[in-house]
């Protein structure tokens, strides 16, 4: 597991000031353009407001490290950005601190937090910050014809070339079934059966020999840029950043997108729980969420943030709304990740996926 640790301190802080800061919290997230958006929208303003500072650490997701720290009674992480199924599972297993929605600040328009957050974005142990999506993208300079559907991703005859897939069953199985003709609203009914799981793996078999597997979110745009693949699944914000900030010739195909949430959780026994909670409150405020959306194309979890989302931070002509997973034009054939399914089946399907990889 790749880990990158960065100290983020207020610009005016001296070494002595840092040493004497009231609190130091370790904030763990996914790295790359996503963590950059959090640093700019959350970390730096919170540091300036509180006089504290942040150790920013990257990881590749999952609960393994959180569970190990909690069970060893040696918790080093204060707040962690997780996927929804991991938040639910971590709460169920007693690995996370409770978070009351009533303790979070009202929206900028005065609406109570419980009514301001989008439905399904807060839980007993977790609070969402963004809506994101797994999509697939391609290099427009490498294909003579543009793919438009999730089925095209699996069509090696019409669109020859290597594919990129996350080294994880999540989203791969869903996309495979949609490509095989299963309607989005029927995907999880099919996956609840052994025959459905076999069907998904059979569809993945059709491209397995031409697939490069990735683990970290920064890898897909790099695979495209290096010409190692012509299409790859990816987190939509990573592809957007490559296009908007690096002028890469990449295009997103939204058909068959699997959208999800990322949420903040605080590991049970976090060494700086109070400061972590203050950071959580600040980073899920109306203004902070809207500011993050100016750095990356992930939708804010609060309703009151929507009207404040404007342009890309360094390009006033690039309006962000149309690049969000939740834009109406991007949701015509979209699937919401079923967190209950994955909370119940992650271990089993991960074992099956790893066995499939090893064949």
Protein backbone atom coordinates (compact mmCIF):
# COMPACT_ATOMS: atom_id res chain seq x y z
CA UNK A 1 0.00 0.00 0.00
CA UNK A 2 1.47 3.31 -1.09
CA UNK A 3 1.56 5.98 1.59
CA UNK A 4 2.57 9.60 1.10
CA UNK A 5 2.75 11.85 4.12
CA UNK A 6 2.84 15.64 3.84
CA UNK A 7 2.99 18.26 6.57
CA UNK A 8 0.60 21.13 5.86
CA UNK A 9 1.00 24.18 8.04
CA UNK A 10 -0.23 27.74 7.96
CA UNK A 11 1.92 29.89 5.71
CA UNK A 12 2.89 32.22 8.53
CA UNK A 13 3.79 29.49 11.00
CA UNK A 14 7.40 29.22 12.05
CA UNK A 15 9.04 25.99 13.12
CA UNK A 16 8.52 27.04 16.72
CA UNK A 17 4.90 27.95 16.01
CA UNK A 18 4.30 24.55 14.48
CA UNK A 19 5.89 22.80 17.41
CA UNK A 20 3.64 24.71 19.79
CA UNK A 21 0.46 24.37 17.73
CA UNK A 22 -2.59 23.50 19.79
CA UNK A 23 -3.22 20.29 17.88
CA UNK A 24 -1.77 18.21 15.09
CA UNK A 25 -4.20 15.96 13.24
CA UNK A 26 -3.45 13.27 10.69
CA UNK A 27 -5.90 13.44 7.80
CA UNK A 28 -5.91 10.41 5.51
CA UNK A 29 -7.24 10.52 1.96
CA UNK A 30 -6.67 9.27 -1.58
CA UNK A 31 -3.90 11.54 -2.83
CA UNK A 32 -3.45 13.32 -6.16
CA UNK A 33 -5.90 15.91 -7.41
CA UNK A 34 -8.48 14.83 -4.84
CA UNK A 35 -6.29 15.45 -1.82
CA UNK A 36 -5.08 18.66 -3.48
CA UNK A 37 -8.71 19.85 -3.59
CA UNK A 38 -9.09 19.04 0.11
CA UNK A 39 -5.86 20.78 1.02
CA UNK A 40 -6.97 23.97 -0.72
CA UNK A 41 -10.60 23.93 0.42
CA UNK A 42 -10.31 22.34 3.87
CA UNK A 43 -6.82 22.05 5.29
CA UNK A 44 -5.37 25.48 4.64
CA UNK A 45 -8.43 27.50 5.73
CA UNK A 46 -8.90 25.34 8.84
CA UNK A 47 -5.24 25.71 9.76
CA UNK A 48 -5.44 29.49 9.34
CA UNK A 49 -8.59 29.63 11.46
CA UNK A 50 -7.42 27.41 14.31
CA UNK A 51 -3.63 27.72 14.43
CA UNK A 52 -3.38 23.93 14.23
CA UNK A 53 -1.71 22.02 11.44
CA UNK A 54 -2.31 18.87 9.45
CA UNK A 55 -0.30 15.81 8.54
CA UNK A 56 -1.79 14.66 5.25
CA UNK A 57 -1.35 10.97 4.44
CA UNK A 58 -2.39 9.05 1.34
CA UNK A 59 -3.78 5.53 1.18
CA UNK A 60 -5.55 3.28 -1.33
CA UNK A 61 -8.78 2.77 0.58
CA UNK A 62 -10.27 -0.03 2.63
CA UNK A 63 -10.56 -0.60 6.37
CA UNK A 64 -7.55 -2.84 6.94
CA UNK A 65 -5.29 -0.17 8.41
CA UNK A 66 -8.03 1.44 10.50
CA UNK A 67 -9.00 -1.96 11.90
CA UNK A 68 -5.39 -2.85 12.66
CA UNK A 69 -4.80 0.42 14.52
CA UNK A 70 -8.00 0.18 16.55
CA UNK A 71 -7.52 -3.48 17.47
CA UNK A 72 -3.90 -2.82 18.49
CA UNK A 73 -5.04 0.14 20.59
CA UNK A 74 -2.48 2.19 18.69
CA UNK A 75 -4.52 4.64 16.62
CA UNK A 76 -2.39 7.10 14.66
CA UNK A 77 -4.96 8.43 12.19
CA UNK A 78 -7.43 11.10 13.31
CA UNK A 79 -9.81 11.35 10.37
CA UNK A 80 -10.07 9.23 7.22
CA UNK A 81 -11.83 9.70 3.88
CA UNK A 82 -13.61 6.40 3.06
CA UNK A 83 -16.08 4.91 0.63
CA UNK A 84 -19.64 4.38 1.85
CA UNK A 85 -19.53 0.59 2.18
CA UNK A 86 -16.41 0.90 4.34
CA UNK A 87 -18.07 3.57 6.49
CA UNK A 88 -21.09 1.34 7.13
CA UNK A 89 -18.95 -1.69 7.82
CA UNK A 90 -16.59 0.23 10.10
CA UNK A 91 -19.51 1.55 12.10
CA UNK A 92 -21.08 -1.91 12.37
CA UNK A 93 -17.78 -3.38 13.59
CA UNK A 94 -17.27 -0.68 16.23
CA UNK A 95 -14.17 0.75 14.59
CA UNK A 96 -15.42 4.33 14.33
CA UNK A 97 -16.46 7.15 16.63
CA UNK A 98 -20.09 8.28 16.64
CA UNK A 99 -20.92 11.53 14.85
CA UNK A 100 -24.20 13.34 15.51
CA UNK A 101 -25.68 15.25 12.60
CA UNK A 102 -27.15 17.65 15.15
CA UNK A 103 -23.62 18.74 16.07
CA UNK A 104 -22.81 19.87 12.54
CA UNK A 105 -23.32 23.52 11.56
CA UNK A 106 -26.39 24.65 9.68
CA UNK A 107 -26.10 25.47 6.00
CA UNK A 108 -25.18 28.95 4.85
CA UNK A 109 -28.88 29.51 4.22
CA UNK A 110 -29.72 28.61 7.82
CA UNK A 111 -31.18 25.17 7.08
CA UNK A 112 -30.33 22.58 9.74
CA UNK A 113 -27.58 20.15 8.75
CA UNK A 114 -29.94 17.16 8.82
CA UNK A 115 -32.06 18.84 6.15
CA UNK A 116 -29.18 20.37 4.21
CA UNK A 117 -27.20 17.22 3.48
CA UNK A 118 -28.39 15.20 0.50
CA UNK A 119 -30.41 12.08 1.36
CA UNK A 120 -28.25 9.14 2.36
CA UNK A 121 -25.11 11.19 2.98
CA UNK A 122 -24.82 11.02 6.76
CA UNK A 123 -24.73 8.10 9.17
CA UNK A 124 -24.11 7.39 12.84
CA UNK A 125 -20.35 7.20 12.26
CA UNK A 126 -19.77 9.07 9.00
CA UNK A 127 -20.53 12.30 7.16
CA UNK A 128 -20.19 12.67 3.39
CA UNK A 129 -18.27 15.40 1.68
CA UNK A 130 -18.55 14.56 -2.02
CA UNK A 131 -20.40 12.61 -4.69
CA UNK A 132 -17.95 10.97 -7.10
CA UNK A 133 -18.12 8.44 -9.85
CA UNK A 134 -16.26 5.57 -11.46
CA UNK A 135 -16.43 6.16 -15.19
CA UNK A 136 -14.30 5.13 -18.11
CA UNK A 137 -12.23 7.46 -20.20
CA UNK A 138 -10.26 7.25 -23.41
CA UNK A 139 -7.52 9.10 -25.27
CA UNK A 140 -9.25 10.82 -28.18
CA UNK A 141 -6.01 10.84 -30.21
CA UNK A 142 -5.74 7.04 -30.13
CA UNK A 143 -9.21 6.11 -31.43
CA UNK A 144 -10.66 6.86 -34.86
CA UNK A 145 -14.20 6.46 -33.53
CA UNK A 146 -15.49 7.67 -30.16
CA UNK A 147 -16.95 5.07 -27.78
CA UNK A 148 -20.27 6.11 -26.28
CA UNK A 149 -21.58 3.21 -24.19
CA UNK A 150 -20.34 0.95 -21.42
CA UNK A 151 -20.64 -1.94 -23.90
CA UNK A 152 -18.02 -0.23 -26.07
CA UNK A 153 -15.48 -0.56 -23.27
CA UNK A 154 -15.72 -4.34 -23.58
CA UNK A 155 -15.71 -4.40 -27.39
CA UNK A 156 -12.15 -5.23 -28.36
CA UNK A 157 -13.07 -5.82 -32.00
CA UNK A 158 -14.57 -2.39 -32.61
CA UNK A 159 -12.18 -0.60 -30.24
CA UNK A 160 -8.91 -2.54 -30.11
CA UNK A 161 -6.32 -1.79 -27.48
CA UNK A 162 -5.49 -2.29 -23.84
CA UNK A 163 -7.98 -1.53 -21.10
CA UNK A 164 -7.40 -0.37 -17.53
CA UNK A 165 -9.43 -1.67 -14.58
CA UNK A 166 -9.17 -1.08 -10.85
CA UNK A 167 -7.74 -4.10 -9.06
CA UNK A 168 -10.92 -4.50 -7.05
CA UNK A 169 -14.29 -6.13 -7.79
CA UNK A 170 -16.26 -3.01 -6.87
CA UNK A 171 -17.63 -1.18 -9.94
CA UNK A 172 -16.00 -3.74 -12.27
CA UNK A 173 -18.75 -6.30 -11.67
CA UNK A 174 -21.50 -3.70 -12.04
CA UNK A 175 -20.03 -2.26 -15.24
CA UNK A 176 -19.56 -5.74 -16.68
CA UNK A 177 -23.22 -6.59 -16.15
CA UNK A 178 -24.43 -3.29 -17.63
CA UNK A 179 -22.19 -3.94 -20.64
CA UNK A 180 -23.78 -7.39 -20.89
CA UNK A 181 -27.25 -5.90 -21.15
CA UNK A 182 -28.45 -5.78 -17.56
CA UNK A 183 -30.43 -2.57 -16.89
CA UNK A 184 -28.85 -0.35 -14.23
CA UNK A 185 -31.77 -0.81 -11.86
CA UNK A 186 -31.44 -4.60 -12.06
CA UNK A 187 -27.70 -4.94 -11.53
CA UNK A 188 -27.72 -5.70 -7.81
CA UNK A 189 -30.60 -8.14 -8.13
CA UNK A 190 -28.46 -10.08 -10.59
CA UNK A 191 -25.35 -9.84 -8.40
CA UNK A 192 -27.28 -11.33 -5.48
CA UNK A 193 -27.16 -14.67 -7.31
CA UNK A 194 -24.25 -17.01 -7.99
CA UNK A 195 -25.28 -17.06 -11.64
CA UNK A 196 -25.14 -13.27 -11.77
CA UNK A 197 -21.67 -13.13 -10.27
CA UNK A 198 -20.51 -15.78 -12.75
CA UNK A 199 -22.04 -13.73 -15.57
CA UNK A 200 -20.11 -10.63 -14.49
CA UNK A 201 -16.81 -12.51 -14.33
CA UNK A 202 -17.53 -14.09 -17.72
CA UNK A 203 -17.91 -10.61 -19.21
CA UNK A 204 -14.66 -9.51 -17.55
CA UNK A 205 -13.02 -12.59 -19.06
CA UNK A 206 -13.62 -11.11 -22.52
CA UNK A 207 -11.09 -8.33 -21.87
CA UNK A 208 -8.90 -9.84 -19.15
CA UNK A 209 -6.07 -10.69 -21.57
CA UNK A 210 -5.93 -7.05 -22.70
CA UNK A 211 -6.23 -5.45 -19.26
CA UNK A 212 -3.80 -3.49 -17.10
CA UNK A 213 -4.91 -3.39 -13.46
CA UNK A 214 -4.49 -0.26 -11.37
CA UNK A 215 -4.74 0.39 -7.63
CA UNK A 216 -4.11 4.09 -6.92
CA UNK A 217 -6.36 6.80 -8.34
CA UNK A 218 -3.44 8.59 -9.97
CA UNK A 219 -2.66 5.62 -12.21
CA UNK A 220 -5.48 5.70 -14.83
CA UNK A 221 -4.67 9.14 -16.30
CA UNK A 222 -1.00 8.17 -16.31
CA UNK A 223 -1.78 4.91 -18.10
CA UNK A 224 -3.63 6.90 -20.76
CA UNK A 225 -0.91 9.52 -21.02
CA UNK A 226 1.81 6.87 -21.41
CA UNK A 227 -0.17 5.03 -24.07
CA UNK A 228 -0.30 1.84 -22.02
CA UNK A 229 -4.08 1.71 -22.45
CA UNK A 230 -6.57 3.29 -24.84
CA UNK A 231 -9.42 3.16 -22.32
CA UNK A 232 -9.52 2.84 -18.55
CA UNK A 233 -11.96 3.04 -15.72
CA UNK A 234 -11.09 5.90 -13.41
CA UNK A 235 -12.42 8.30 -10.81
CA UNK A 236 -14.08 11.08 -12.77
CA UNK A 237 -12.23 13.84 -10.91
CA UNK A 238 -8.84 12.45 -11.87
CA UNK A 239 -9.69 12.55 -15.56
CA UNK A 240 -11.20 16.02 -15.26
CA UNK A 241 -8.04 17.27 -13.59
CA UNK A 242 -5.84 15.79 -16.32
CA UNK A 243 -7.90 17.61 -18.94
CA UNK A 244 -8.40 20.92 -17.10
CA UNK A 245 -4.97 21.27 -15.52
CA UNK A 246 -2.71 19.34 -17.88
CA UNK A 247 -4.55 19.76 -21.21
CA UNK A 248 -4.70 16.01 -21.83
CA UNK A 249 -6.83 14.80 -24.80
CA UNK A 250 -9.02 12.57 -22.64
CA UNK A 251 -12.77 12.13 -22.87
CA UNK A 252 -15.15 10.74 -20.25
CA UNK A 253 -17.94 8.31 -21.15
CA UNK A 254 -20.67 8.71 -18.54
CA UNK A 255 -22.84 5.84 -19.75
CA UNK A 256 -22.73 3.10 -17.12
CA UNK A 257 -21.12 5.28 -14.48
CA UNK A 258 -21.21 3.90 -10.91
CA UNK A 259 -21.59 6.81 -8.53
CA UNK A 260 -20.76 6.82 -4.88
CA UNK A 261 -19.98 8.95 -1.86
CA UNK A 262 -16.84 9.66 0.07
CA UNK A 263 -17.27 10.32 3.77
CA UNK A 264 -15.22 11.39 6.74
CA UNK A 265 -14.86 8.92 9.61
CA UNK A 266 -12.94 9.19 12.87
CA UNK A 267 -11.28 5.94 14.02
CA UNK A 268 -12.26 4.80 17.50
CA UNK A 269 -9.64 6.12 19.91
CA UNK A 270 -8.28 8.80 17.55
CA UNK A 271 -5.53 10.63 19.47
CA UNK A 272 -6.88 14.09 18.57
CA UNK A 273 -10.60 13.36 18.44
CA UNK A 274 -11.82 16.85 19.38
CA UNK A 275 -9.64 18.59 16.80
CA UNK A 276 -10.60 15.98 14.20
CA UNK A 277 -14.27 16.67 14.90
CA UNK A 278 -13.69 20.40 14.51
CA UNK A 279 -11.97 19.73 11.19
CA UNK A 280 -14.89 17.55 10.10
CA UNK A 281 -17.39 20.28 10.93
CA UNK A 282 -15.40 22.88 9.03
CA UNK A 283 -14.73 20.70 5.99
CA UNK A 284 -18.38 19.74 5.58
CA UNK A 285 -19.65 23.32 5.83
CA UNK A 286 -21.48 24.90 2.90
CA UNK A 287 -18.60 27.14 1.84
CA UNK A 288 -15.83 24.54 2.17
CA UNK A 289 -17.70 21.99 0.08
CA UNK A 290 -18.43 24.56 -2.61
CA UNK A 291 -14.79 25.62 -2.65
CA UNK A 292 -13.62 22.05 -3.10
CA UNK A 293 -15.86 21.77 -6.18
CA UNK A 294 -13.85 24.57 -7.78
CA UNK A 295 -10.77 22.32 -7.65
CA UNK A 296 -12.21 18.98 -8.75
CA UNK A 297 -15.41 17.76 -10.41
CA UNK A 298 -16.98 16.05 -7.42
CA UNK A 299 -20.41 17.15 -6.26
CA UNK A 300 -20.84 18.68 -2.77
CA UNK A 301 -22.88 16.64 -0.26
CA UNK A 302 -24.81 19.72 0.97
CA UNK A 303 -27.73 21.21 -0.95
CA UNK A 304 -26.76 24.74 0.10
CA UNK A 305 -23.37 24.37 -1.62
CA UNK A 306 -24.83 23.90 -5.10
CA UNK A 307 -25.56 27.58 -5.78
CA UNK A 308 -22.02 28.52 -4.74
CA UNK A 309 -20.30 26.17 -7.18
CA UNK A 310 -18.86 28.26 -9.97
CA UNK A 311 -15.85 27.95 -12.22
CA UNK A 312 -12.66 25.94 -12.11
CA UNK A 313 -10.27 27.67 -9.73
CA UNK A 314 -7.85 28.92 -12.40
CA UNK A 315 -10.16 29.18 -15.40
CA UNK A 316 -13.26 31.38 -15.05
CA UNK A 317 -14.56 30.14 -18.40
CA UNK A 318 -14.67 26.51 -17.25
CA UNK A 319 -17.99 26.09 -15.45
CA UNK A 320 -17.98 23.13 -13.09
CA UNK A 321 -21.66 22.17 -12.95
CA UNK A 322 -21.73 20.17 -16.19
CA UNK A 323 -18.71 18.13 -15.10
CA UNK A 324 -20.30 16.82 -11.90
CA UNK A 325 -21.45 13.16 -11.81
CA UNK A 326 -24.88 14.42 -10.78
CA UNK A 327 -25.39 16.69 -13.82
CA UNK A 328 -28.65 15.53 -15.45
CA UNK A 329 -26.96 14.83 -18.79
CA UNK A 330 -24.47 12.52 -17.05
CA UNK A 331 -27.11 10.50 -15.18
CA UNK A 332 -29.07 8.97 -18.06
CA UNK A 333 -27.69 5.47 -17.44
CA UNK A 334 -26.08 5.73 -14.03
CA UNK A 335 -25.95 3.29 -11.12
CA UNK A 336 -25.60 4.22 -7.47
CA UNK A 337 -23.21 1.96 -5.60
CA UNK A 338 -25.21 -0.30 -3.26
CA UNK A 339 -23.31 0.10 0.00
CA UNK A 340 -25.28 -2.65 1.75
CA UNK A 341 -24.37 -5.16 -0.95
CA UNK A 342 -20.68 -4.32 -0.70
CA UNK A 343 -20.62 -4.12 3.08
CA UNK A 344 -22.02 -7.66 3.13
CA UNK A 345 -20.06 -9.12 0.21
CA UNK A 346 -16.75 -7.24 -0.06
CA UNK A 347 -14.59 -9.93 1.55
CA UNK A 348 -16.09 -12.83 -0.37
CA UNK A 349 -16.03 -11.07 -3.73
CA UNK A 350 -12.51 -9.75 -3.15
CA UNK A 351 -11.32 -13.31 -2.59
CA UNK A 352 -13.16 -14.44 -5.72
CA UNK A 353 -11.73 -11.51 -7.70
CA UNK A 354 -8.19 -12.26 -6.57
CA UNK A 355 -8.63 -15.91 -7.48
CA UNK A 356 -9.90 -14.82 -10.91
CA UNK A 357 -6.85 -12.60 -11.36
CA UNK A 358 -4.54 -15.49 -10.50
CA UNK A 359 -6.02 -17.83 -13.13
